[in-house]
Amino acid sequence: MNTHRQPPVAAMEMSRFGGAMERSSIAFQILERIKTALIRGDLTPGDYLPSETELTQSLGIGKSSVREAIKMLQAIGIVEVRRGHGTIIRREPGEPLVDPMAFGMILARGMTRDVLEFRQMFEPAYTLQAMANATDEDHRRIQQTIDDMATAIANGEQTSHHDVAFHRAILTATHNPMTIRVGQTLLELIEAALETSMQTDPDTALNDHRAIYDAFEAGDADGVRQAIEESAKSWETNLTYRDKA
């Protein structure tokens, strides 16, 4: 195991960033360098970062700034600290303690039309991606969410969780980590609206899910798009966010 690989990120010239910087920005500079190295392929998933001492010496900064940067990377699920070995770049993103993308979308959600437009663009795309990649187990999972929703409605126990489960099962069927992450963030963003629809008109939501899955199961791309478009008519009335003046 190469536990002491010195990636090119540690050798990048500090001068390219100009003169002296505020101490509070140094940790963010380290994050930016690591991001750039990952994009360029100089640093790859599974690589170990230089040690705290190596980073301190090569970058000419204090250990506290290095530790702060590592904690930030841990918080967003990019690195894993392995005692006795070092800090490794995850091969797949971990479950973030803090999701910057989610917070960014939440702060922007005040514009109702933006949320609607994004969902109208994104949902058909990921549903078709899932249709192409779904396994037999994925199909069973999606159908189960529909059955569970029907049972909950019959018992008067339906909640947004039953609606979200359907969309999450389709997201999972894409088998694409990036799609899943963006989709889960969107679901968090619209869950309040889904709760409204499940309490005011649950049968419509159930029928929409059935129509989408019928086309999905049949491999009918046009049918999927049409079913989602029909379902979108209820989004606008149930979306709880309002445009700001």
C-alpha atoms as a PDB file:
ATOM      1  CA  MET A   1       0.000   0.000   0.000  1.00  0.00           C
ATOM      2  CA  ASN A   2       1.389   3.389  -0.975  1.00  0.00           C
ATOM      3  CA  THR A   3       0.738   5.278   2.236  1.00  0.00           C
ATOM      4  CA  HIS A   4       3.194   8.113   1.605  1.00  0.00           C
ATOM      5  CA  ARG A   5       2.563   9.117  -1.973  1.00  0.00           C
ATOM      6  CA  GLN A   6       3.393  12.812  -2.411  1.00  0.00           C
ATOM      7  CA  PRO A   7       0.782  14.048  -4.879  1.00  0.00           C
ATOM      8  CA  PRO A   8       1.577  17.039  -7.091  1.00  0.00           C
ATOM      9  CA  VAL A   9      -0.935  19.107  -5.112  1.00  0.00           C
ATOM     10  CA  ALA A  10       1.696  19.584  -2.439  1.00  0.00           C
ATOM     11  CA  ALA A  11       4.150  21.043  -4.934  1.00  0.00           C
ATOM     12  CA  MET A  12       1.921  23.673  -6.542  1.00  0.00           C
ATOM     13  CA  GLU A  13       3.391  27.161  -6.338  1.00  0.00           C
ATOM     14  CA  MET A  14       1.918  29.419  -3.678  1.00  0.00           C
ATOM     15  CA  SER A  15       2.772  32.479  -5.803  1.00  0.00           C
ATOM     16  CA  ARG A  16      -0.031  31.748  -8.275  1.00  0.00           C
ATOM     17  CA  PHE A  17      -2.475  32.939  -5.600  1.00  0.00           C
ATOM     18  CA  GLY A  18      -0.839  36.344  -5.207  1.00  0.00           C
ATOM     19  CA  GLY A  19       0.360  37.911  -1.968  1.00  0.00           C
ATOM     20  CA  ALA A  20      -0.370  37.223   1.658  1.00  0.00           C
ATOM     21  CA  MET A  21      -3.769  35.883   2.535  1.00  0.00           C
ATOM     22  CA  GLU A  22      -5.902  35.975   5.622  1.00  0.00           C
ATOM     23  CA  ARG A  23      -5.268  32.933   7.781  1.00  0.00           C
ATOM     24  CA  SER A  24      -8.926  31.911   7.621  1.00  0.00           C
ATOM     25  CA  SER A  25      -8.658  31.406   3.852  1.00  0.00           C
ATOM     26  CA  ILE A  26      -5.708  29.022   3.939  1.00  0.00           C
ATOM     27  CA  ALA A  27      -7.813  25.923   4.632  1.00  0.00           C
ATOM     28  CA  PHE A  28     -10.029  26.796   1.665  1.00  0.00           C
ATOM     29  CA  GLN A  29      -6.934  27.193  -0.511  1.00  0.00           C
ATOM     30  CA  ILE A  30      -5.881  23.676   0.438  1.00  0.00           C
ATOM     31  CA  LEU A  31      -9.350  22.395  -0.497  1.00  0.00           C
ATOM     32  CA  GLU A  32      -9.126  24.155  -3.854  1.00  0.00           C
ATOM     33  CA  ARG A  33      -5.738  22.607  -4.595  1.00  0.00           C
ATOM     34  CA  ILE A  34      -6.974  19.136  -3.735  1.00  0.00           C
ATOM     35  CA  LYS A  35     -10.062  19.656  -5.919  1.00  0.00           C
ATOM     36  CA  THR A  36      -7.884  20.799  -8.822  1.00  0.00           C
ATOM     37  CA  ALA A  37      -5.565  17.801  -8.407  1.00  0.00           C
ATOM     38  CA  LEU A  38      -8.570  15.439  -8.455  1.00  0.00           C
ATOM     39  CA  ILE A  39      -9.958  17.060 -11.603  1.00  0.00           C
ATOM     40  CA  ARG A  40      -6.591  16.819 -13.356  1.00  0.00           C
ATOM     41  CA  GLY A  41      -6.064  13.242 -12.252  1.00  0.00           C
ATOM     42  CA  ASP A  42      -2.894  14.106 -10.320  1.00  0.00           C
ATOM     43  CA  LEU A  43      -4.690  12.801  -7.259  1.00  0.00           C
ATOM     44  CA  THR A  44      -7.098   9.874  -7.584  1.00  0.00           C
ATOM     45  CA  PRO A  45      -9.557   8.022  -5.342  1.00  0.00           C
ATOM     46  CA  GLY A  46      -7.667   5.606  -3.140  1.00  0.00           C
ATOM     47  CA  ASP A  47      -4.591   7.832  -2.879  1.00  0.00           C
ATOM     48  CA  TYR A  48      -3.312   8.942   0.492  1.00  0.00           C
ATOM     49  CA  LEU A  49      -2.764  12.628   1.101  1.00  0.00           C
ATOM     50  CA  PRO A  50       0.675  13.716   2.277  1.00  0.00           C
ATOM     51  CA  SER A  51       1.020  13.628   6.033  1.00  0.00           C
ATOM     52  CA  GLU A  52       0.153  16.624   8.168  1.00  0.00           C
ATOM     53  CA  THR A  53       3.869  17.374   8.583  1.00  0.00           C
ATOM     54  CA  GLU A  54       4.538  17.066   4.839  1.00  0.00           C
ATOM     55  CA  LEU A  55       1.682  19.407   3.977  1.00  0.00           C
ATOM     56  CA  THR A  56       2.796  21.879   6.630  1.00  0.00           C
ATOM     57  CA  GLN A  57       6.343  21.960   5.295  1.00  0.00           C
ATOM     58  CA  SER A  58       5.581  21.963   1.565  1.00  0.00           C
ATOM     59  CA  LEU A  59       2.867  24.620   1.779  1.00  0.00           C
ATOM     60  CA  GLY A  60       4.533  26.719   4.440  1.00  0.00           C
ATOM     61  CA  ILE A  61       1.470  26.843   6.663  1.00  0.00           C
ATOM     62  CA  GLY A  62       0.533  25.899  10.207  1.00  0.00           C
ATOM     63  CA  LYS A  63      -0.745  22.495  11.276  1.00  0.00           C
ATOM     64  CA  SER A  64      -4.009  24.018  12.476  1.00  0.00           C
ATOM     65  CA  SER A  65      -4.871  25.079   8.893  1.00  0.00           C
ATOM     66  CA  VAL A  66      -4.097  21.589   7.591  1.00  0.00           C
ATOM     67  CA  ARG A  67      -6.293  20.027  10.276  1.00  0.00           C
ATOM     68  CA  GLU A  68      -9.120  22.436   9.476  1.00  0.00           C
ATOM     69  CA  ALA A  69      -8.958  21.522   5.785  1.00  0.00           C
ATOM     70  CA  ILE A  70      -8.972  17.792   6.555  1.00  0.00           C
ATOM     71  CA  LYS A  71     -12.008  18.218   8.819  1.00  0.00           C
ATOM     72  CA  MET A  72     -13.820  20.050   6.008  1.00  0.00           C
ATOM     73  CA  LEU A  73     -13.027  17.228   3.588  1.00  0.00           C
ATOM     74  CA  GLN A  74     -14.289  14.700   6.126  1.00  0.00           C
ATOM     75  CA  ALA A  75     -17.490  16.680   6.649  1.00  0.00           C
ATOM     76  CA  ILE A  76     -18.385  16.578   2.963  1.00  0.00           C
ATOM     77  CA  GLY A  77     -17.457  12.911   2.605  1.00  0.00           C
ATOM     78  CA  ILE A  78     -14.353  13.287   0.413  1.00  0.00           C
ATOM     79  CA  VAL A  79     -11.679  11.767   2.645  1.00  0.00           C
ATOM     80  CA  GLU A  80     -11.443   9.153   5.345  1.00  0.00           C
ATOM     81  CA  VAL A  81      -8.899   9.364   8.152  1.00  0.00           C
ATOM     82  CA  ARG A  82      -7.451   5.945   8.917  1.00  0.00           C
ATOM     83  CA  ARG A  83      -5.610   5.766  12.210  1.00  0.00           C
ATOM     84  CA  GLY A  84      -2.073   4.592  11.767  1.00  0.00           C
ATOM     85  CA  HIS A  85      -2.211   4.937   7.981  1.00  0.00           C
ATOM     86  CA  GLY A  86      -3.165   8.477   7.044  1.00  0.00           C
ATOM     87  CA  THR A  87      -5.869  10.343   5.165  1.00  0.00           C
ATOM     88  CA  ILE A  88      -7.203   8.645   2.058  1.00  0.00           C
ATOM     89  CA  ILE A  89      -9.341   9.979  -0.787  1.00  0.00           C
ATOM     90  CA  ARG A  90     -12.544   7.938  -0.800  1.00  0.00           C
ATOM     91  CA  ARG A  91     -13.192   5.756  -3.841  1.00  0.00           C
ATOM     92  CA  GLU A  92     -16.837   6.785  -3.586  1.00  0.00           C
ATOM     93  CA  PRO A  93     -18.233   9.818  -1.753  1.00  0.00           C
ATOM     94  CA  GLY A  94     -19.151   9.058   1.822  1.00  0.00           C
ATOM     95  CA  GLU A  95     -22.352  10.179   3.525  1.00  0.00           C
ATOM     96  CA  PRO A  96     -21.604  13.865   4.121  1.00  0.00           C
ATOM     97  CA  LEU A  97     -22.119  15.403   7.532  1.00  0.00           C
ATOM     98  CA  VAL A  98     -22.630  18.685   5.702  1.00  0.00           C
ATOM     99  CA  ASP A  99     -23.838  18.784   2.089  1.00  0.00           C
ATOM    100  CA  PRO A 100     -22.955  22.151   0.498  1.00  0.00           C
ATOM    101  CA  MET A 101     -25.041  21.411  -2.591  1.00  0.00           C
ATOM    102  CA  ALA A 102     -28.106  20.687  -0.468  1.00  0.00           C
ATOM    103  CA  PHE A 103     -27.719  23.924   1.459  1.00  0.00           C
ATOM    104  CA  GLY A 104     -27.219  25.873  -1.760  1.00  0.00           C
ATOM    105  CA  MET A 105     -30.406  24.461  -3.262  1.00  0.00           C
ATOM    106  CA  ILE A 106     -32.350  25.014  -0.049  1.00  0.00           C
ATOM    107  CA  LEU A 107     -31.318  28.673   0.065  1.00  0.00           C
ATOM    108  CA  ALA A 108     -32.403  29.073  -3.562  1.00  0.00           C
ATOM    109  CA  ARG A 109     -35.720  27.298  -3.154  1.00  0.00           C
ATOM    110  CA  GLY A 110     -37.678  30.481  -2.467  1.00  0.00           C
ATOM    111  CA  MET A 111     -38.258  30.835  -6.205  1.00  0.00           C
ATOM    112  CA  THR A 112     -41.115  28.448  -6.900  1.00  0.00           C
ATOM    113  CA  ARG A 113     -40.693  28.497 -10.661  1.00  0.00           C
ATOM    114  CA  ASP A 114     -37.010  27.556 -10.337  1.00  0.00           C
ATOM    115  CA  VAL A 115     -37.839  24.464  -8.294  1.00  0.00           C
ATOM    116  CA  LEU A 116     -40.551  23.460 -10.746  1.00  0.00           C
ATOM    117  CA  GLU A 117     -38.391  24.007 -13.802  1.00  0.00           C
ATOM    118  CA  PHE A 118     -35.539  22.009 -12.306  1.00  0.00           C
ATOM    119  CA  ARG A 119     -37.792  19.114 -11.352  1.00  0.00           C
ATOM    120  CA  GLN A 120     -39.496  19.129 -14.769  1.00  0.00           C
ATOM    121  CA  MET A 121     -36.086  18.883 -16.413  1.00  0.00           C
ATOM    122  CA  PHE A 122     -34.455  16.448 -14.007  1.00  0.00           C
ATOM    123  CA  GLU A 123     -37.157  13.900 -13.155  1.00  0.00           C
ATOM    124  CA  PRO A 124     -37.757  12.630 -16.713  1.00  0.00           C
ATOM    125  CA  ALA A 125     -33.996  12.410 -17.250  1.00  0.00           C
ATOM    126  CA  TYR A 126     -33.234  10.309 -14.178  1.00  0.00           C
ATOM    127  CA  THR A 127     -36.331   8.161 -14.674  1.00  0.00           C
ATOM    128  CA  LEU A 128     -35.221   7.243 -18.195  1.00  0.00           C
ATOM    129  CA  GLN A 129     -31.706   6.599 -16.909  1.00  0.00           C
ATOM    130  CA  ALA A 130     -33.172   4.278 -14.292  1.00  0.00           C
ATOM    131  CA  MET A 131     -35.319   2.551 -16.912  1.00  0.00           C
ATOM    132  CA  ALA A 132     -32.158   1.679 -18.848  1.00  0.00           C
ATOM    133  CA  ASN A 133     -30.203   0.496 -15.790  1.00  0.00           C
ATOM    134  CA  ALA A 134     -32.815  -1.088 -13.515  1.00  0.00           C
ATOM    135  CA  THR A 135     -32.315  -4.645 -12.298  1.00  0.00           C
ATOM    136  CA  ASP A 136     -35.050  -7.115 -11.384  1.00  0.00           C
ATOM    137  CA  GLU A 137     -34.506  -6.161  -7.749  1.00  0.00           C
ATOM    138  CA  ASP A 138     -34.960  -2.480  -8.617  1.00  0.00           C
ATOM    139  CA  HIS A 139     -38.269  -3.272 -10.299  1.00  0.00           C
ATOM    140  CA  ARG A 140     -39.445  -5.188  -7.251  1.00  0.00           C
ATOM    141  CA  ARG A 141     -38.436  -2.313  -4.983  1.00  0.00           C
ATOM    142  CA  ILE A 142     -40.286   0.273  -7.072  1.00  0.00           C
ATOM    143  CA  GLN A 143     -43.440  -1.860  -7.213  1.00  0.00           C
ATOM    144  CA  GLN A 144     -43.251  -2.388  -3.460  1.00  0.00           C
ATOM    145  CA  THR A 145     -43.297   1.374  -2.843  1.00  0.00           C
ATOM    146  CA  ILE A 146     -46.494   1.614  -4.892  1.00  0.00           C
ATOM    147  CA  ASP A 147     -48.077  -1.248  -2.962  1.00  0.00           C
ATOM    148  CA  ASP A 148     -47.015   0.311   0.343  1.00  0.00           C
ATOM    149  CA  MET A 149     -48.506   3.660  -0.659  1.00  0.00           C
ATOM    150  CA  ALA A 150     -51.804   2.033  -1.645  1.00  0.00           C
ATOM    151  CA  THR A 151     -52.002   0.238   1.707  1.00  0.00           C
ATOM    152  CA  ALA A 152     -51.182   3.412   3.629  1.00  0.00           C
ATOM    153  CA  ILE A 153     -53.867   5.377   1.755  1.00  0.00           C
ATOM    154  CA  ALA A 154     -56.449   2.658   2.398  1.00  0.00           C
ATOM    155  CA  ASN A 155     -55.666   2.912   6.103  1.00  0.00           C
ATOM    156  CA  GLY A 156     -55.528   6.705   6.131  1.00  0.00           C
ATOM    157  CA  GLU A 157     -51.854   6.583   7.172  1.00  0.00           C
ATOM    158  CA  GLN A 158     -50.171   8.051   4.098  1.00  0.00           C
ATOM    159  CA  THR A 159     -47.312  10.545   4.483  1.00  0.00           C
ATOM    160  CA  SER A 160     -44.680  12.145   2.301  1.00  0.00           C
ATOM    161  CA  HIS A 161     -42.403   9.207   3.118  1.00  0.00           C
ATOM    162  CA  HIS A 162     -44.556   6.964   0.938  1.00  0.00           C
ATOM    163  CA  ASP A 163     -44.239   9.397  -1.959  1.00  0.00           C
ATOM    164  CA  VAL A 164     -40.505   9.928  -1.454  1.00  0.00           C
ATOM    165  CA  ALA A 165     -39.906   6.157  -1.312  1.00  0.00           C
ATOM    166  CA  PHE A 166     -41.132   5.793  -4.900  1.00  0.00           C
ATOM    167  CA  HIS A 167     -38.847   8.508  -6.249  1.00  0.00           C
ATOM    168  CA  ARG A 168     -35.914   7.282  -4.187  1.00  0.00           C
ATOM    169  CA  ALA A 169     -36.368   3.746  -5.520  1.00  0.00           C
ATOM    170  CA  ILE A 170     -36.214   5.064  -9.081  1.00  0.00           C
ATOM    171  CA  LEU A 171     -33.145   7.152  -8.245  1.00  0.00           C
ATOM    172  CA  THR A 172     -31.452   4.069  -6.791  1.00  0.00           C
ATOM    173  CA  ALA A 173     -32.221   2.192 -10.004  1.00  0.00           C
ATOM    174  CA  THR A 174     -30.032   4.636 -11.971  1.00  0.00           C
ATOM    175  CA  HIS A 175     -26.988   3.142 -10.224  1.00  0.00           C
ATOM    176  CA  ASN A 176     -25.317   6.515 -10.754  1.00  0.00           C
ATOM    177  CA  PRO A 177     -23.970   8.123  -7.552  1.00  0.00           C
ATOM    178  CA  MET A 178     -24.081  11.645  -8.996  1.00  0.00           C
ATOM    179  CA  THR A 179     -27.685  11.330 -10.146  1.00  0.00           C
ATOM    180  CA  ILE A 180     -28.686   9.841  -6.810  1.00  0.00           C
ATOM    181  CA  ARG A 181     -27.057  12.629  -4.827  1.00  0.00           C
ATOM    182  CA  VAL A 182     -28.680  15.424  -6.821  1.00  0.00           C
ATOM    183  CA  GLY A 183     -32.011  13.604  -6.763  1.00  0.00           C
ATOM    184  CA  GLN A 184     -31.961  13.065  -3.009  1.00  0.00           C
ATOM    185  CA  THR A 185     -31.244  16.744  -2.502  1.00  0.00           C
ATOM    186  CA  LEU A 186     -34.208  17.626  -4.708  1.00  0.00           C
ATOM    187  CA  LEU A 187     -36.453  15.265  -2.721  1.00  0.00           C
ATOM    188  CA  GLU A 188     -35.429  16.948   0.524  1.00  0.00           C
ATOM    189  CA  LEU A 189     -36.280  20.258  -1.070  1.00  0.00           C
ATOM    190  CA  ILE A 190     -39.800  19.289  -2.142  1.00  0.00           C
ATOM    191  CA  GLU A 191     -40.768  16.975   0.715  1.00  0.00           C
ATOM    192  CA  ALA A 192     -43.035  19.595   2.292  1.00  0.00           C
ATOM    193  CA  ALA A 193     -44.941  19.861  -0.991  1.00  0.00           C
ATOM    194  CA  LEU A 194     -45.174  16.083  -1.229  1.00  0.00           C
ATOM    195  CA  GLU A 195     -46.625  15.970   2.272  1.00  0.00           C
ATOM    196  CA  THR A 196     -49.301  18.449   1.194  1.00  0.00           C
ATOM    197  CA  SER A 197     -50.238  16.367  -1.833  1.00  0.00           C
ATOM    198  CA  MET A 198     -50.352  13.162   0.205  1.00  0.00           C
ATOM    199  CA  GLN A 199     -52.786  14.717   2.663  1.00  0.00           C
ATOM    200  CA  THR A 200     -54.991  16.582   0.186  1.00  0.00           C
ATOM    201  CA  ASP A 201     -55.079  14.289  -2.849  1.00  0.00           C
ATOM    202  CA  PRO A 202     -53.212  11.023  -2.211  1.00  0.00           C
ATOM    203  CA  ASP A 203     -55.087   9.050  -4.861  1.00  0.00           C
ATOM    204  CA  THR A 204     -53.766  11.343  -7.585  1.00  0.00           C
ATOM    205  CA  ALA A 205     -50.209  10.791  -6.393  1.00  0.00           C
ATOM    206  CA  LEU A 206     -50.774   7.038  -6.325  1.00  0.00           C
ATOM    207  CA  ASN A 207     -52.251   7.004  -9.831  1.00  0.00           C
ATOM    208  CA  ASP A 208     -49.368   9.132 -11.090  1.00  0.00           C
ATOM    209  CA  HIS A 209     -46.861   6.662  -9.684  1.00  0.00           C
ATOM    210  CA  ARG A 210     -48.691   3.744 -11.243  1.00  0.00           C
ATOM    211  CA  ALA A 211     -48.780   5.455 -14.648  1.00  0.00           C
ATOM    212  CA  ILE A 212     -45.084   6.304 -14.492  1.00  0.00           C
ATOM    213  CA  TYR A 213     -44.131   2.779 -13.473  1.00  0.00           C
ATOM    214  CA  ASP A 214     -46.379   1.146 -16.073  1.00  0.00           C
ATOM    215  CA  ALA A 215     -44.489   2.985 -18.806  1.00  0.00           C
ATOM    216  CA  PHE A 216     -41.180   2.407 -17.011  1.00  0.00           C
ATOM    217  CA  GLU A 217     -41.755  -1.335 -16.770  1.00  0.00           C
ATOM    218  CA  ALA A 218     -42.752  -1.488 -20.443  1.00  0.00           C
ATOM    219  CA  GLY A 219     -39.607   0.365 -21.511  1.00  0.00           C
ATOM    220  CA  ASP A 220     -41.767   3.094 -23.046  1.00  0.00           C
ATOM    221  CA  ALA A 221     -39.676   6.277 -22.944  1.00  0.00           C
ATOM    222  CA  ASP A 222     -42.385   8.459 -24.469  1.00  0.00           C
ATOM    223  CA  GLY A 223     -44.905   7.009 -22.034  1.00  0.00           C
ATOM    224  CA  VAL A 224     -42.612   7.830 -19.108  1.00  0.00           C
ATOM    225  CA  ARG A 225     -42.252  11.424 -20.263  1.00  0.00           C
ATOM    226  CA  GLN A 226     -45.989  11.763 -20.779  1.00  0.00           C
ATOM    227  CA  ALA A 227     -46.835  10.281 -17.371  1.00  0.00           C
ATOM    228  CA  ILE A 228     -44.389  12.600 -15.626  1.00  0.00           C
ATOM    229  CA  GLU A 229     -45.735  15.583 -17.557  1.00  0.00           C
ATOM    230  CA  GLU A 230     -49.259  14.687 -16.458  1.00  0.00           C
ATOM    231  CA  SER A 231     -48.077  14.299 -12.881  1.00  0.00           C
ATOM    232  CA  ALA A 232     -46.425  17.729 -13.069  1.00  0.00           C
ATOM    233  CA  LYS A 233     -49.852  19.385 -13.253  1.00  0.00           C
ATOM    234  CA  SER A 234     -50.328  18.672  -9.549  1.00  0.00           C
ATOM    235  CA  TRP A 235     -46.829  19.855  -8.620  1.00  0.00           C
ATOM    236  CA  GLU A 236     -47.689  23.472  -9.284  1.00  0.00           C
ATOM    237  CA  THR A 237     -50.757  23.424  -7.042  1.00  0.00           C
ATOM    238  CA  ASN A 238     -49.106  21.553  -4.191  1.00  0.00           C
ATOM    239  CA  LEU A 239     -45.671  23.158  -4.182  1.00  0.00           C
ATOM    240  CA  THR A 240     -45.578  25.134  -0.960  1.00  0.00           C
ATOM    241  CA  TYR A 241     -42.770  27.525  -1.841  1.00  0.00           C
ATOM    242  CA  ARG A 242     -43.602  31.019  -3.038  1.00  0.00           C
ATOM    243  CA  ASP A 243     -41.757  33.497  -5.178  1.00  0.00           C
ATOM    244  CA  LYS A 244     -40.193  36.344  -3.300  1.00  0.00           C
ATOM    245  CA  ALA A 245     -41.265  39.841  -4.206  1.00  0.00           C
END
